[in-house]
Amino acid sequence: MESEKDALKDMYFAMIFFVFLPMIFFLAIIWLLLVFIFHKDIINEVEYGLSRRTEEGELWYLTA
């Protein structure tokens, strides 16, 4: 009975260590790559939104 609990504990550890951690790691890498690829578009979109606000009388600056 005790060995079954140990085996279950080892299985949960292996699942966390070999499934969830690599999944989070690869999702973080993909997210960083997407941010790196599209950062110019993001900055342009933010600048466009800020320049729209300046036309309404509010002054906003973006330093990138």
PDB file of N, CA and C in Angstrom:
ATOM      1  N   MET A   1       0.835  -1.199   0.000  1.00  0.00           N
ATOM      2  CA  MET A   1       0.000   0.000   0.000  1.00  0.00           C
ATOM      3  C   MET A   1       0.875   1.256   0.000  1.00  0.00           C
ATOM      4  N   GLU A   2       1.923   1.196   0.805  1.00  0.00           N
ATOM      5  CA  GLU A   2       2.822   2.361   0.880  1.00  0.00           C
ATOM      6  C   GLU A   2       3.555   2.586  -0.436  1.00  0.00           C
ATOM      7  N   SER A   3       3.908   1.495  -1.105  1.00  0.00           N
ATOM      8  CA  SER A   3       4.619   1.644  -2.375  1.00  0.00           C
ATOM      9  C   SER A   3       3.684   2.219  -3.456  1.00  0.00           C
ATOM     10  N   GLU A   4       2.389   1.930  -3.359  1.00  0.00           N
ATOM     11  CA  GLU A   4       1.449   2.503  -4.322  1.00  0.00           C
ATOM     12  C   GLU A   4       1.344   4.014  -4.137  1.00  0.00           C
ATOM     13  N   LYS A   5       1.370   4.463  -2.873  1.00  0.00           N
ATOM     14  CA  LYS A   5       1.337   5.913  -2.618  1.00  0.00           C
ATOM     15  C   LYS A   5       2.611   6.565  -3.140  1.00  0.00           C
ATOM     16  N   ASP A   6       3.748   5.890  -2.924  1.00  0.00           N
ATOM     17  CA  ASP A   6       5.006   6.434  -3.443  1.00  0.00           C
ATOM     18  C   ASP A   6       4.990   6.489  -4.967  1.00  0.00           C
ATOM     19  N   ALA A   7       4.451   5.449  -5.593  1.00  0.00           N
ATOM     20  CA  ALA A   7       4.385   5.427  -7.051  1.00  0.00           C
ATOM     21  C   ALA A   7       3.478   6.545  -7.559  1.00  0.00           C
ATOM     22  N   LEU A   8       2.365   6.775  -6.864  1.00  0.00           N
ATOM     23  CA  LEU A   8       1.458   7.851  -7.255  1.00  0.00           C
ATOM     24  C   LEU A   8       2.137   9.207  -7.108  1.00  0.00           C
ATOM     25  N   LYS A   9       2.878   9.363  -6.011  1.00  0.00           N
ATOM     26  CA  LYS A   9       3.617  10.607  -5.783  1.00  0.00           C
ATOM     27  C   LYS A   9       4.655  10.830  -6.883  1.00  0.00           C
ATOM     28  N   ASP A  10       5.359   9.754  -7.238  1.00  0.00           N
ATOM     29  CA  ASP A  10       6.360   9.859  -8.310  1.00  0.00           C
ATOM     30  C   ASP A  10       5.708  10.180  -9.645  1.00  0.00           C
ATOM     31  N   MET A  11       4.523   9.606  -9.881  1.00  0.00           N
ATOM     32  CA  MET A  11       3.835   9.873 -11.136  1.00  0.00           C
ATOM     33  C   MET A  11       3.419  11.336 -11.221  1.00  0.00           C
ATOM     34  N   TYR A  12       2.898  11.878 -10.120  1.00  0.00           N
ATOM     35  CA  TYR A  12       2.505  13.292 -10.121  1.00  0.00           C
ATOM     36  C   TYR A  12       3.719  14.197 -10.307  1.00  0.00           C
ATOM     37  N   PHE A  13       4.820  13.861  -9.654  1.00  0.00           N
ATOM     38  CA  PHE A  13       6.038  14.652  -9.810  1.00  0.00           C
ATOM     39  C   PHE A  13       6.516  14.627 -11.260  1.00  0.00           C
ATOM     40  N   ALA A  14       6.503  13.431 -11.865  1.00  0.00           N
ATOM     41  CA  ALA A  14       6.947  13.309 -13.252  1.00  0.00           C
ATOM     42  C   ALA A  14       6.021  14.082 -14.186  1.00  0.00           C
ATOM     43  N   MET A  15       4.726  14.044 -13.909  1.00  0.00           N
ATOM     44  CA  MET A  15       3.782  14.753 -14.765  1.00  0.00           C
ATOM     45  C   MET A  15       4.020  16.253 -14.684  1.00  0.00           C
ATOM     46  N   ILE A  16       4.220  16.757 -13.467  1.00  0.00           N
ATOM     47  CA  ILE A  16       4.476  18.187 -13.310  1.00  0.00           C
ATOM     48  C   ILE A  16       5.807  18.559 -13.947  1.00  0.00           C
ATOM     49  N   PHE A  17       6.826  17.753 -13.700  1.00  0.00           N
ATOM     50  CA  PHE A  17       8.173  18.105 -14.130  1.00  0.00           C
ATOM     51  C   PHE A  17       8.350  17.965 -15.630  1.00  0.00           C
ATOM     52  N   PHE A  18       7.746  16.935 -16.239  1.00  0.00           N
ATOM     53  CA  PHE A  18       7.983  16.655 -17.655  1.00  0.00           C
ATOM     54  C   PHE A  18       6.861  17.123 -18.573  1.00  0.00           C
ATOM     55  N   VAL A  19       5.735  17.559 -18.024  1.00  0.00           N
ATOM     56  CA  VAL A  19       4.629  18.012 -18.871  1.00  0.00           C
ATOM     57  C   VAL A  19       4.370  19.498 -18.676  1.00  0.00           C
ATOM     58  N   PHE A  20       4.078  19.909 -17.454  1.00  0.00           N
ATOM     59  CA  PHE A  20       3.636  21.288 -17.242  1.00  0.00           C
ATOM     60  C   PHE A  20       4.775  22.291 -17.321  1.00  0.00           C
ATOM     61  N   LEU A  21       5.916  21.985 -16.731  1.00  0.00           N
ATOM     62  CA  LEU A  21       7.031  22.926 -16.792  1.00  0.00           C
ATOM     63  C   LEU A  21       7.529  23.149 -18.230  1.00  0.00           C
ATOM     64  N   PRO A  22       7.755  22.108 -19.034  1.00  0.00           N
ATOM     65  CA  PRO A  22       8.144  22.370 -20.426  1.00  0.00           C
ATOM     66  C   PRO A  22       7.065  23.100 -21.215  1.00  0.00           C
ATOM     67  N   MET A  23       5.796  22.806 -20.924  1.00  0.00           N
ATOM     68  CA  MET A  23       4.713  23.485 -21.634  1.00  0.00           C
ATOM     69  C   MET A  23       4.752  24.984 -21.328  1.00  0.00           C
ATOM     70  N   ILE A  24       4.911  25.337 -20.055  1.00  0.00           N
ATOM     71  CA  ILE A  24       4.990  26.747 -19.681  1.00  0.00           C
ATOM     72  C   ILE A  24       6.235  27.381 -20.290  1.00  0.00           C
ATOM     73  N   PHE A  25       7.344  26.658 -20.294  1.00  0.00           N
ATOM     74  CA  PHE A  25       8.594  27.167 -20.849  1.00  0.00           C
ATOM     75  C   PHE A  25       8.443  27.467 -22.341  1.00  0.00           C
ATOM     76  N   PHE A  26       7.863  26.529 -23.099  1.00  0.00           N
ATOM     77  CA  PHE A  26       7.724  26.735 -24.537  1.00  0.00           C
ATOM     78  C   PHE A  26       6.686  27.811 -24.850  1.00  0.00           C
ATOM     79  N   LEU A  27       5.624  27.896 -24.066  1.00  0.00           N
ATOM     80  CA  LEU A  27       4.663  28.979 -24.272  1.00  0.00           C
ATOM     81  C   LEU A  27       5.308  30.335 -24.017  1.00  0.00           C
ATOM     82  N   ALA A  28       6.168  30.417 -23.015  1.00  0.00           N
ATOM     83  CA  ALA A  28       6.869  31.675 -22.748  1.00  0.00           C
ATOM     84  C   ALA A  28       7.803  32.025 -23.901  1.00  0.00           C
ATOM     85  N   ILE A  29       8.500  31.038 -24.467  1.00  0.00           N
ATOM     86  CA  ILE A  29       9.393  31.298 -25.598  1.00  0.00           C
ATOM     87  C   ILE A  29       8.590  31.773 -26.804  1.00  0.00           C
ATOM     88  N   ILE A  30       7.463  31.112 -27.085  1.00  0.00           N
ATOM     89  CA  ILE A  30       6.626  31.519 -28.220  1.00  0.00           C
ATOM     90  C   ILE A  30       6.104  32.932 -28.009  1.00  0.00           C
ATOM     91  N   TRP A  31       5.670  33.241 -26.784  1.00  0.00           N
ATOM     92  CA  TRP A  31       5.167  34.585 -26.489  1.00  0.00           C
ATOM     93  C   TRP A  31       6.254  35.631 -26.695  1.00  0.00           C
ATOM     94  N   LEU A  32       7.472  35.351 -26.212  1.00  0.00           N
ATOM     95  CA  LEU A  32       8.574  36.292 -26.395  1.00  0.00           C
ATOM     96  C   LEU A  32       8.922  36.469 -27.868  1.00  0.00           C
ATOM     97  N   LEU A  33       8.897  35.382 -28.636  1.00  0.00           N
ATOM     98  CA  LEU A  33       9.167  35.492 -30.074  1.00  0.00           C
ATOM     99  C   LEU A  33       8.108  36.340 -30.766  1.00  0.00           C
ATOM    100  N   LEU A  34       6.844  36.140 -30.415  1.00  0.00           N
ATOM    101  CA  LEU A  34       5.780  36.943 -31.018  1.00  0.00           C
ATOM    102  C   LEU A  34       5.931  38.416 -30.655  1.00  0.00           C
ATOM    103  N   VAL A  35       6.264  38.691 -29.405  1.00  0.00           N
ATOM    104  CA  VAL A  35       6.476  40.084 -29.006  1.00  0.00           C
ATOM    105  C   VAL A  35       7.659  40.666 -29.765  1.00  0.00           C
ATOM    106  N   PHE A  36       8.732  39.884 -29.922  1.00  0.00           N
ATOM    107  CA  PHE A  36       9.910  40.370 -30.629  1.00  0.00           C
ATOM    108  C   PHE A  36       9.596  40.628 -32.100  1.00  0.00           C
ATOM    109  N   ILE A  37       8.782  39.748 -32.712  1.00  0.00           N
ATOM    110  CA  ILE A  37       8.467  39.911 -34.136  1.00  0.00           C
ATOM    111  C   ILE A  37       7.529  41.089 -34.349  1.00  0.00           C
ATOM    112  N   PHE A  38       6.523  41.232 -33.481  1.00  0.00           N
ATOM    113  CA  PHE A  38       5.486  42.229 -33.721  1.00  0.00           C
ATOM    114  C   PHE A  38       5.653  43.493 -32.890  1.00  0.00           C
ATOM    115  N   HIS A  39       6.835  43.704 -32.266  1.00  0.00           N
ATOM    116  CA  HIS A  39       6.939  44.854 -31.362  1.00  0.00           C
ATOM    117  C   HIS A  39       6.832  46.178 -32.114  1.00  0.00           C
ATOM    118  N   LYS A  40       7.253  46.213 -33.384  1.00  0.00           N
ATOM    119  CA  LYS A  40       7.116  47.454 -34.158  1.00  0.00           C
ATOM    120  C   LYS A  40       5.637  47.775 -34.383  1.00  0.00           C
ATOM    121  N   ASP A  41       4.853  46.759 -34.702  1.00  0.00           N
ATOM    122  CA  ASP A  41       3.417  46.975 -34.902  1.00  0.00           C
ATOM    123  C   ASP A  41       2.750  47.428 -33.612  1.00  0.00           C
ATOM    124  N   ILE A  42       3.172  46.846 -32.490  1.00  0.00           N
ATOM    125  CA  ILE A  42       2.585  47.228 -31.204  1.00  0.00           C
ATOM    126  C   ILE A  42       2.920  48.686 -30.900  1.00  0.00           C
ATOM    127  N   ILE A  43       4.192  49.060 -31.117  1.00  0.00           N
ATOM    128  CA  ILE A  43       4.600  50.440 -30.851  1.00  0.00           C
ATOM    129  C   ILE A  43       3.857  51.397 -31.774  1.00  0.00           C
ATOM    130  N   ASN A  44       3.717  51.037 -33.051  1.00  0.00           N
ATOM    131  CA  ASN A  44       2.992  51.903 -33.989  1.00  0.00           C
ATOM    132  C   ASN A  44       1.536  52.052 -33.581  1.00  0.00           C
ATOM    133  N   GLU A  45       0.923  50.970 -33.133  1.00  0.00           N
ATOM    134  CA  GLU A  45      -0.479  51.029 -32.712  1.00  0.00           C
ATOM    135  C   GLU A  45      -0.632  51.935 -31.495  1.00  0.00           C
ATOM    136  N   VAL A  46       0.303  51.816 -30.550  1.00  0.00           N
ATOM    137  CA  VAL A  46       0.240  52.653 -29.362  1.00  0.00           C
ATOM    138  C   VAL A  46       0.460  54.114 -29.742  1.00  0.00           C
ATOM    139  N   GLU A  47       1.435  54.365 -30.628  1.00  0.00           N
ATOM    140  CA  GLU A  47       1.690  55.743 -31.062  1.00  0.00           C
ATOM    141  C   GLU A  47       0.475  56.308 -31.790  1.00  0.00           C
ATOM    142  N   TYR A  48      -0.177  55.476 -32.609  1.00  0.00           N
ATOM    143  CA  TYR A  48      -1.357  55.945 -33.329  1.00  0.00           C
ATOM    144  C   TYR A  48      -2.469  56.298 -32.345  1.00  0.00           C
ATOM    145  N   GLY A  49      -2.663  55.432 -31.345  1.00  0.00           N
ATOM    146  CA  GLY A  49      -3.682  55.726 -30.343  1.00  0.00           C
ATOM    147  C   GLY A  49      -3.349  56.975 -29.550  1.00  0.00           C
ATOM    148  N   LEU A  50      -2.065  57.160 -29.239  1.00  0.00           N
ATOM    149  CA  LEU A  50      -1.664  58.348 -28.483  1.00  0.00           C
ATOM    150  C   LEU A  50      -1.784  59.596 -29.347  1.00  0.00           C
ATOM    151  N   SER A  51      -1.448  59.485 -30.637  1.00  0.00           N
ATOM    152  CA  SER A  51      -1.550  60.666 -31.494  1.00  0.00           C
ATOM    153  C   SER A  51      -3.015  61.045 -31.688  1.00  0.00           C
ATOM    154  N   ARG A  52      -3.913  60.061 -31.657  1.00  0.00           N
ATOM    155  CA  ARG A  52      -5.342  60.392 -31.727  1.00  0.00           C
ATOM    156  C   ARG A  52      -5.764  61.191 -30.508  1.00  0.00           C
ATOM    157  N   ARG A  53      -5.214  60.826 -29.348  1.00  0.00           N
ATOM    158  CA  ARG A  53      -5.568  61.554 -28.130  1.00  0.00           C
ATOM    159  C   ARG A  53      -5.020  62.982 -28.155  1.00  0.00           C
ATOM    160  N   THR A  54      -3.849  63.177 -28.782  1.00  0.00           N
ATOM    161  CA  THR A  54      -3.283  64.530 -28.815  1.00  0.00           C
ATOM    162  C   THR A  54      -4.181  65.446 -29.639  1.00  0.00           C
ATOM    163  N   GLU A  55      -4.863  64.887 -30.647  1.00  0.00           N
ATOM    164  CA  GLU A  55      -5.771  65.709 -31.442  1.00  0.00           C
ATOM    165  C   GLU A  55      -6.976  66.153 -30.610  1.00  0.00           C
ATOM    166  N   GLU A  56      -7.298  65.399 -29.574  1.00  0.00           N
ATOM    167  CA  GLU A  56      -8.423  65.762 -28.714  1.00  0.00           C
ATOM    168  C   GLU A  56      -8.010  66.728 -27.616  1.00  0.00           C
ATOM    169  N   GLY A  57      -6.731  67.153 -27.612  1.00  0.00           N
ATOM    170  CA  GLY A  57      -6.304  68.150 -26.652  1.00  0.00           C
ATOM    171  C   GLY A  57      -5.463  67.620 -25.518  1.00  0.00           C
ATOM    172  N   GLU A  58      -5.422  66.303 -25.356  1.00  0.00           N
ATOM    173  CA  GLU A  58      -4.582  65.752 -24.304  1.00  0.00           C
ATOM    174  C   GLU A  58      -3.194  65.494 -24.878  1.00  0.00           C
ATOM    175  N   LEU A  59      -2.187  65.714 -24.086  1.00  0.00           N
ATOM    176  CA  LEU A  59      -0.824  65.543 -24.561  1.00  0.00           C
ATOM    177  C   LEU A  59      -0.226  64.268 -23.959  1.00  0.00           C
ATOM    178  N   TRP A  60       0.148  63.351 -24.829  1.00  0.00           N
ATOM    179  CA  TRP A  60       0.735  62.087 -24.392  1.00  0.00           C
ATOM    180  C   TRP A  60       2.034  61.874 -25.155  1.00  0.00           C
ATOM    181  N   TYR A  61       3.026  61.385 -24.470  1.00  0.00           N
ATOM    182  CA  TYR A  61       4.296  61.081 -25.113  1.00  0.00           C
ATOM    183  C   TYR A  61       4.622  59.610 -24.912  1.00  0.00           C
ATOM    184  N   LEU A  62       5.208  59.022 -25.934  1.00  0.00           N
ATOM    185  CA  LEU A  62       5.666  57.637 -25.842  1.00  0.00           C
ATOM    186  C   LEU A  62       7.155  57.630 -26.116  1.00  0.00           C
ATOM    187  N   THR A  63       7.919  57.175 -25.179  1.00  0.00           N
ATOM    188  CA  THR A  63       9.356  57.037 -25.404  1.00  0.00           C
ATOM    189  C   THR A  63       9.651  55.564 -25.555  1.00  0.00           C
ATOM    190  N   ALA A  64      10.163  55.203 -26.699  1.00  0.00           N
ATOM    191  CA  ALA A  64      10.451  53.798 -26.963  1.00  0.00           C
ATOM    192  C   ALA A  64      11.935  53.619 -27.241  1.00  0.00           C
TER     193      ALA A  64
END
